[in-house]
Amino acid sequence: MNTLRNSLEYILIPLGAILASMVLFGVFVLMTGNDPFEVYYNIYRAAFGSWFSWQKTLIRAAPLMLTALCVALPARLGLVVIGGEGAVVMGGLAAAVTGVWLQGSPPLVAMVMMAVVGMLFGGSWIAISGGLKHWRGVNETISSLLLNYIAIALLNHFVNGPFRDPASLNKPSTHPIGELFMLGNLPGMRVHVGLAFGVIFCLVTWFVMYHTVFGFSVKVSGGNLRTARLSGLSVGRLVLLTCFIGGSAGGLAGMVEVAAVHGNASSSLNSGYGYTGILVAFIARHNPFAVLPIAILLGGIGASGGLLQRIHDLPDATVLVMQGLIFLVILFSETLYGKIPFLKPKAA
């Protein structure tokens, strides 16, 4: 019975937080002179109203699935890592440079190498925060946030300097990786295979974290660090490996953006997917399986910005206001766990 109550708590509280944020966003929309119900209807229509809308939503959801894991997996250790944007940027830049260097190679080999190198760079970037936290006591939230800005600065330096394509005039970028190295679409869809990468990565990490010895070790370390050390667990290795796996998901998202969307590395890699991934992870309660539907929901909200601008004359960034409200209410809702009377576990 207590297990059922806990399950209901993990479902009802986030759902209630989302509904409360929708009410607050409705007030904001009302202040702009628009009908909130009409705005919500058009958000639904733009995100899920047709097969075309669904495909746009899934394209946006694919990188969110991966960047959310960049936050969700270290959170299993009690770490608040928000460096997904840096992992995306570094992974995308490394993948683009690898694709250029491998010109003339078999396409499959080049794509695999781009993915591997992107994951290595993204994983290493987040592992830096984990290492600083474990060995030097540096706050991982601050270090991962600052590493985002370092990654963006490195991207700007390389695409404007050593790796710049002379043909890119108005918007500096690396040389294109070429059509042969671009990822294709899923069969019968206009959605790139990055969606499959995101779904597979979420399912595999969910299995690893909830059904393996490694996942149990991570849970023990996140629950009580002293107990983990007394049990003989190598906490440092767990921190580095978990952060690396989370960062590798972000690096893979950057590779997908290069090989499926842009065809090169430019400032477009800094598109905010890493920050939206933080919201996805928190709503999903850091559960990789729950990341899937939440990423699709927020992907749909993001895809609706253009339609709101055309129909209601609202700025394209209006959806960011909605996401910000959801994030604030979700953070507040964290204080409600274990305090709602009808969801409290009954004493034996």
Protein backbone atom coordinates (compact mmCIF):
# COMPACT_ATOMS: atom_id res chain seq x y z
CA MET A 1 0.00 0.00 0.00
CA ASN A 2 2.82 2.38 0.86
CA THR A 3 4.46 1.59 -2.48
CA LEU A 4 1.24 2.58 -4.25
CA ARG A 5 1.11 5.83 -2.27
CA ASN A 6 4.70 6.64 -3.23
CA SER A 7 3.94 5.94 -6.89
CA LEU A 8 0.88 8.19 -6.78
CA GLU A 9 2.97 10.90 -5.13
CA TYR A 10 5.58 10.79 -7.89
CA ILE A 11 2.81 11.11 -10.50
CA LEU A 12 0.33 13.50 -8.90
CA ILE A 13 2.74 16.12 -7.58
CA PRO A 14 4.52 16.78 -10.91
CA LEU A 15 1.17 16.67 -12.70
CA GLY A 16 -0.30 19.16 -10.23
CA ALA A 17 2.78 21.38 -10.64
CA ILE A 18 2.36 21.42 -14.41
CA LEU A 19 -1.34 22.29 -14.08
CA ALA A 20 -0.53 25.09 -11.62
CA SER A 21 2.09 26.51 -13.97
CA MET A 22 -0.47 26.40 -16.80
CA VAL A 23 -2.81 28.52 -14.67
CA LEU A 24 -0.02 31.04 -14.03
CA PHE A 25 0.88 31.11 -17.72
CA GLY A 26 -2.80 31.63 -18.51
CA VAL A 27 -2.76 34.74 -16.31
CA PHE A 28 0.31 35.97 -18.19
CA VAL A 29 -1.42 35.37 -21.55
CA LEU A 30 -4.53 37.17 -20.31
CA MET A 31 -2.41 40.21 -19.46
CA THR A 32 -1.25 40.34 -23.09
CA GLY A 33 -4.85 40.62 -24.25
CA ASN A 34 -5.20 37.05 -25.55
CA ASP A 35 -7.58 34.27 -24.66
CA PRO A 36 -5.64 31.64 -22.63
CA PHE A 37 -7.86 28.79 -23.83
CA GLU A 38 -7.32 29.75 -27.45
CA VAL A 39 -3.57 29.98 -26.88
CA TYR A 40 -3.51 26.54 -25.26
CA TYR A 41 -5.55 25.12 -28.12
CA ASN A 42 -3.06 26.47 -30.64
CA ILE A 43 -0.14 25.10 -28.60
CA TYR A 44 -1.80 21.70 -28.77
CA ARG A 45 -2.51 22.12 -32.50
CA ALA A 46 1.09 23.11 -33.25
CA ALA A 47 2.55 20.31 -31.14
CA PHE A 48 0.20 17.34 -31.57
CA GLY A 49 -2.65 18.39 -33.84
CA SER A 50 -1.45 16.58 -36.96
CA TRP A 51 1.15 14.08 -38.13
CA PHE A 52 3.25 16.98 -39.43
CA SER A 53 3.06 18.62 -35.99
CA TRP A 54 4.00 15.37 -34.28
CA GLN A 55 7.09 15.07 -36.46
CA LYS A 56 8.21 18.62 -35.59
CA THR A 57 7.69 17.79 -31.93
CA LEU A 58 9.70 14.57 -32.14
CA ILE A 59 12.57 16.38 -33.88
CA ARG A 60 12.76 18.80 -30.95
CA ALA A 61 12.29 16.04 -28.38
CA ALA A 62 15.25 13.96 -29.62
CA PRO A 63 18.04 16.19 -28.22
CA LEU A 64 16.02 16.88 -25.06
CA MET A 65 15.97 13.16 -24.24
CA LEU A 66 19.77 13.10 -24.37
CA THR A 67 20.48 16.39 -22.59
CA ALA A 68 18.04 15.44 -19.81
CA LEU A 69 20.17 12.38 -19.07
CA CYS A 70 23.12 14.72 -18.60
CA VAL A 71 21.29 16.00 -15.51
CA ALA A 72 19.30 12.93 -14.47
CA LEU A 73 22.16 10.43 -14.18
CA PRO A 74 24.49 12.52 -11.94
CA ALA A 75 21.40 13.39 -9.86
CA ARG A 76 21.24 9.71 -8.87
CA LEU A 77 24.45 10.44 -6.96
CA GLY A 78 23.00 13.58 -5.41
CA LEU A 79 24.84 15.86 -7.84
CA VAL A 80 23.10 18.84 -9.44
CA VAL A 81 24.92 19.08 -12.76
CA ILE A 82 23.61 21.67 -15.23
CA GLY A 83 26.36 21.45 -17.84
CA GLY A 84 24.35 19.83 -20.62
CA GLU A 85 24.76 22.84 -22.91
CA GLY A 86 28.54 22.57 -22.66
CA ALA A 87 28.42 18.85 -23.42
CA VAL A 88 26.26 19.50 -26.51
CA VAL A 89 28.61 22.21 -27.77
CA MET A 90 31.81 20.24 -27.20
CA GLY A 91 30.35 17.02 -28.59
CA GLY A 92 29.00 18.79 -31.67
CA LEU A 93 32.25 20.65 -32.34
CA ALA A 94 34.34 17.48 -31.93
CA ALA A 95 31.98 15.52 -34.18
CA ALA A 96 32.08 18.20 -36.90
CA VAL A 97 35.88 18.34 -36.90
CA THR A 98 36.05 14.53 -36.99
CA GLY A 99 33.68 14.45 -39.96
CA VAL A 100 35.83 16.95 -41.86
CA TRP A 101 39.04 15.06 -41.10
CA LEU A 102 37.52 11.76 -42.23
CA GLN A 103 36.49 12.99 -45.68
CA GLY A 104 36.93 10.13 -48.14
CA SER A 105 36.25 7.45 -45.51
CA PRO A 106 33.30 5.05 -45.74
CA PRO A 107 30.18 6.92 -44.52
CA LEU A 108 29.29 4.32 -41.87
CA VAL A 109 32.80 4.42 -40.40
CA ALA A 110 32.77 8.21 -40.36
CA MET A 111 29.35 8.39 -38.68
CA VAL A 112 30.37 5.91 -35.99
CA MET A 113 33.60 7.80 -35.33
CA MET A 114 31.74 11.12 -35.15
CA ALA A 115 29.36 9.65 -32.58
CA VAL A 116 32.18 8.08 -30.52
CA VAL A 117 34.31 11.24 -30.52
CA GLY A 118 31.29 13.43 -29.70
CA MET A 119 30.38 11.18 -26.78
CA LEU A 120 33.98 11.12 -25.52
CA PHE A 121 34.25 14.91 -25.53
CA GLY A 122 30.78 15.44 -24.01
CA GLY A 123 31.37 12.79 -21.35
CA SER A 124 34.80 14.14 -20.43
CA TRP A 125 33.39 17.66 -20.17
CA ILE A 126 30.84 16.65 -17.52
CA ALA A 127 33.31 14.32 -15.80
CA ILE A 128 35.42 17.42 -15.06
CA SER A 129 32.64 18.72 -12.79
CA GLY A 130 32.31 15.33 -11.09
CA GLY A 131 36.06 15.11 -10.51
CA LEU A 132 36.26 18.65 -9.13
CA LYS A 133 33.41 17.86 -6.75
CA HIS A 134 34.85 14.58 -5.51
CA TRP A 135 38.52 15.47 -5.12
CA ARG A 136 38.47 19.23 -4.52
CA GLY A 137 35.01 19.83 -3.06
CA VAL A 138 34.07 22.32 -5.80
CA ASN A 139 30.31 22.83 -6.08
CA GLU A 140 29.26 20.86 -9.17
CA THR A 141 26.38 23.18 -10.02
CA ILE A 142 28.65 26.21 -10.26
CA SER A 143 31.49 24.40 -12.03
CA SER A 144 29.21 22.80 -14.63
CA LEU A 145 27.47 26.12 -15.29
CA LEU A 146 30.81 27.90 -15.78
CA LEU A 147 32.02 25.09 -18.03
CA ASN A 148 29.05 25.87 -20.30
CA TYR A 149 30.46 29.34 -20.94
CA ILE A 150 33.95 27.96 -21.47
CA ALA A 151 32.60 25.49 -24.04
CA ILE A 152 30.73 28.26 -25.87
CA ALA A 153 33.87 30.43 -25.87
CA LEU A 154 35.90 27.54 -27.31
CA LEU A 155 33.26 26.97 -29.99
CA ASN A 156 33.34 30.64 -31.00
CA HIS A 157 37.13 30.62 -31.06
CA PHE A 158 37.46 27.56 -33.27
CA VAL A 159 34.66 28.36 -35.73
CA ASN A 160 36.02 31.90 -36.11
CA GLY A 161 39.64 30.80 -36.25
CA PRO A 162 41.42 27.49 -36.85
CA PHE A 163 38.43 25.47 -38.12
CA ARG A 164 36.55 28.20 -39.98
CA ASP A 165 35.26 27.51 -43.45
CA PRO A 166 36.31 30.52 -45.62
CA ALA A 167 33.02 30.18 -47.51
CA SER A 168 30.99 30.92 -44.34
CA LEU A 169 30.76 34.70 -44.41
CA ASN A 170 27.74 35.97 -42.45
CA LYS A 171 27.71 33.08 -39.99
CA PRO A 172 31.13 31.54 -39.30
CA SER A 173 31.16 27.74 -39.16
CA THR A 174 33.39 24.76 -39.70
CA HIS A 175 33.69 23.10 -43.09
CA PRO A 176 30.57 21.03 -43.90
CA ILE A 177 30.79 17.32 -43.20
CA GLY A 178 29.11 16.55 -46.55
CA GLU A 179 25.88 14.87 -47.55
CA LEU A 180 27.36 11.37 -47.32
CA PHE A 181 28.00 11.79 -43.59
CA MET A 182 24.55 13.19 -42.75
CA LEU A 183 22.21 11.03 -40.71
CA GLY A 184 19.05 9.95 -42.50
CA ASN A 185 15.44 9.87 -41.36
CA LEU A 186 13.52 7.08 -39.70
CA PRO A 187 11.56 4.91 -42.16
CA GLY A 188 8.30 6.55 -43.22
CA MET A 189 8.99 9.71 -41.22
CA ARG A 190 10.62 13.10 -41.59
CA VAL A 191 12.29 12.65 -38.21
CA HIS A 192 16.03 11.97 -38.11
CA VAL A 193 17.49 8.88 -36.45
CA GLY A 194 18.57 11.01 -33.50
CA LEU A 195 15.15 10.21 -32.04
CA ALA A 196 16.06 6.52 -32.02
CA PHE A 197 19.38 7.37 -30.32
CA GLY A 198 17.52 9.26 -27.59
CA VAL A 199 14.95 6.53 -26.97
CA ILE A 200 17.58 3.77 -26.88
CA PHE A 201 19.89 5.77 -24.59
CA CYS A 202 17.01 6.45 -22.15
CA LEU A 203 15.89 2.82 -22.06
CA VAL A 204 19.42 1.45 -21.63
CA THR A 205 20.32 3.88 -18.84
CA TRP A 206 16.98 3.19 -17.12
CA PHE A 207 17.77 -0.52 -17.12
CA VAL A 208 21.32 0.08 -15.91
CA MET A 209 20.27 2.42 -13.09
CA TYR A 210 17.32 0.36 -11.85
CA HIS A 211 18.24 -3.25 -12.59
CA THR A 212 22.02 -3.68 -12.29
CA VAL A 213 24.60 -3.77 -9.51
CA PHE A 214 26.17 -0.59 -10.89
CA GLY A 215 22.85 1.24 -10.63
CA PHE A 216 22.33 -0.01 -7.08
CA SER A 217 25.84 1.19 -6.17
CA VAL A 218 25.01 4.63 -7.57
CA LYS A 219 21.78 4.72 -5.55
CA VAL A 220 23.61 3.75 -2.33
CA SER A 221 26.28 6.40 -2.93
CA GLY A 222 23.67 9.06 -3.63
CA GLY A 223 21.62 8.11 -0.57
CA ASN A 224 24.42 7.96 1.99
CA LEU A 225 28.01 8.64 1.05
CA ARG A 226 29.44 7.30 4.31
CA THR A 227 27.51 4.04 4.00
CA ALA A 228 28.80 3.64 0.46
CA ARG A 229 32.41 4.04 1.59
CA LEU A 230 31.96 1.68 4.53
CA SER A 231 30.53 -0.86 2.07
CA GLY A 232 33.75 -0.69 0.08
CA LEU A 233 32.32 1.15 -2.92
CA SER A 234 34.72 3.23 -5.00
CA VAL A 235 32.81 6.49 -4.81
CA GLY A 236 35.27 8.41 -6.96
CA ARG A 237 34.99 5.88 -9.79
CA LEU A 238 31.19 5.94 -9.57
CA VAL A 239 31.11 9.73 -9.70
CA LEU A 240 33.40 9.95 -12.72
CA LEU A 241 31.71 7.12 -14.61
CA THR A 242 28.15 8.33 -13.97
CA CYS A 243 29.02 11.90 -14.94
CA PHE A 244 30.81 10.61 -18.03
CA ILE A 245 27.79 8.56 -19.13
CA GLY A 246 25.49 11.54 -18.62
CA GLY A 247 27.87 13.84 -20.48
CA SER A 248 28.25 11.34 -23.32
CA ALA A 249 24.48 11.58 -23.87
CA GLY A 250 24.84 15.35 -24.21
CA GLY A 251 27.81 14.91 -26.56
CA LEU A 252 25.75 12.54 -28.70
CA ALA A 253 23.01 15.20 -28.86
CA GLY A 254 25.61 17.62 -30.23
CA MET A 255 26.72 15.08 -32.81
CA VAL A 256 23.11 14.57 -33.90
CA GLU A 257 22.61 18.32 -34.29
CA VAL A 258 25.66 18.45 -36.57
CA ALA A 259 25.04 15.27 -38.57
CA ALA A 260 21.25 15.49 -38.84
CA VAL A 261 20.36 19.18 -38.76
CA HIS A 262 23.13 21.71 -39.48
CA GLY A 263 25.81 19.78 -41.37
CA ASN A 264 28.57 21.73 -39.61
CA ALA A 265 29.44 23.31 -36.26
CA SER A 266 28.48 26.93 -35.69
CA SER A 267 26.90 29.12 -33.04
CA SER A 268 23.65 27.23 -33.76
CA LEU A 269 24.94 24.46 -31.49
CA ASN A 270 24.32 26.83 -28.58
CA SER A 271 20.55 26.53 -28.97
CA GLY A 272 19.46 26.01 -25.36
CA TYR A 273 18.72 22.28 -25.53
CA GLY A 274 21.04 21.70 -22.56
CA TYR A 275 19.10 24.13 -20.39
CA THR A 276 15.70 22.77 -21.37
CA GLY A 277 17.07 19.31 -20.56
CA ILE A 278 17.40 20.45 -16.94
CA LEU A 279 13.65 21.06 -16.82
CA VAL A 280 12.93 17.70 -18.45
CA ALA A 281 15.09 15.89 -15.88
CA PHE A 282 13.48 17.61 -12.90
CA ILE A 283 9.92 16.98 -14.06
CA ALA A 284 10.86 13.33 -14.72
CA ARG A 285 12.29 13.07 -11.18
CA HIS A 286 15.59 11.99 -12.76
CA ASN A 287 14.06 8.77 -14.04
CA PRO A 288 15.45 7.98 -17.53
CA PHE A 289 12.25 6.19 -18.53
CA ALA A 290 10.06 9.14 -17.50
CA VAL A 291 12.34 11.42 -19.50
CA LEU A 292 10.78 10.09 -22.73
CA PRO A 293 7.22 11.47 -22.37
CA ILE A 294 8.38 14.68 -20.68
CA ALA A 295 10.85 15.39 -23.50
CA ILE A 296 8.05 14.92 -26.03
CA LEU A 297 5.78 17.27 -24.05
CA LEU A 298 8.38 20.04 -23.83
CA GLY A 299 9.46 19.41 -27.41
CA GLY A 300 5.87 20.08 -28.44
CA ILE A 301 5.74 23.27 -26.39
CA GLY A 302 8.95 24.45 -28.05
CA ALA A 303 7.60 23.64 -31.49
CA SER A 304 4.54 25.84 -30.94
CA GLY A 305 6.41 29.14 -30.58
CA GLY A 306 6.21 30.05 -34.27
CA LEU A 307 2.46 29.49 -34.48
CA LEU A 308 1.81 31.62 -31.39
CA GLN A 309 3.82 34.40 -32.98
CA ARG A 310 1.85 34.26 -36.24
CA ILE A 311 -1.67 33.90 -34.80
CA HIS A 312 -1.55 35.76 -31.49
CA ASP A 313 1.27 38.22 -32.23
CA LEU A 314 3.13 36.89 -29.20
CA PRO A 315 6.95 36.83 -29.17
CA ASP A 316 8.53 33.52 -30.15
CA ALA A 317 10.10 33.43 -26.67
CA THR A 318 6.66 33.19 -25.07
CA VAL A 319 7.13 29.43 -24.77
CA LEU A 320 10.28 30.11 -22.75
CA VAL A 321 8.14 32.02 -20.24
CA MET A 322 5.93 28.96 -19.96
CA GLN A 323 8.94 26.68 -19.48
CA GLY A 324 10.33 29.04 -16.83
CA LEU A 325 7.06 28.98 -14.90
CA ILE A 326 6.95 25.19 -15.07
CA PHE A 327 10.51 25.02 -13.73
CA LEU A 328 9.79 27.35 -10.80
CA VAL A 329 6.62 25.51 -9.80
CA ILE A 330 8.37 22.13 -10.13
CA LEU A 331 11.11 23.36 -7.78
CA PHE A 332 8.49 24.51 -5.28
CA SER A 333 6.66 21.18 -5.55
CA GLU A 334 9.78 19.40 -4.27
CA THR A 335 8.83 20.63 -0.80
CA LEU A 336 5.50 18.79 -0.95
CA TYR A 337 6.82 15.22 -1.05
CA GLY A 338 5.86 13.36 2.10
CA LYS A 339 3.62 16.20 3.29
CA ILE A 340 0.32 15.64 1.48
CA PRO A 341 -2.00 13.96 4.04
CA PHE A 342 -3.74 11.36 1.85
CA LEU A 343 -0.41 10.36 0.24
CA LYS A 344 1.55 9.93 3.48
CA PRO A 345 2.64 6.34 4.20
CA LYS A 346 0.69 4.88 7.10
CA ALA A 347 2.67 3.68 10.09
CA ALA A 348 2.65 -0.06 10.73
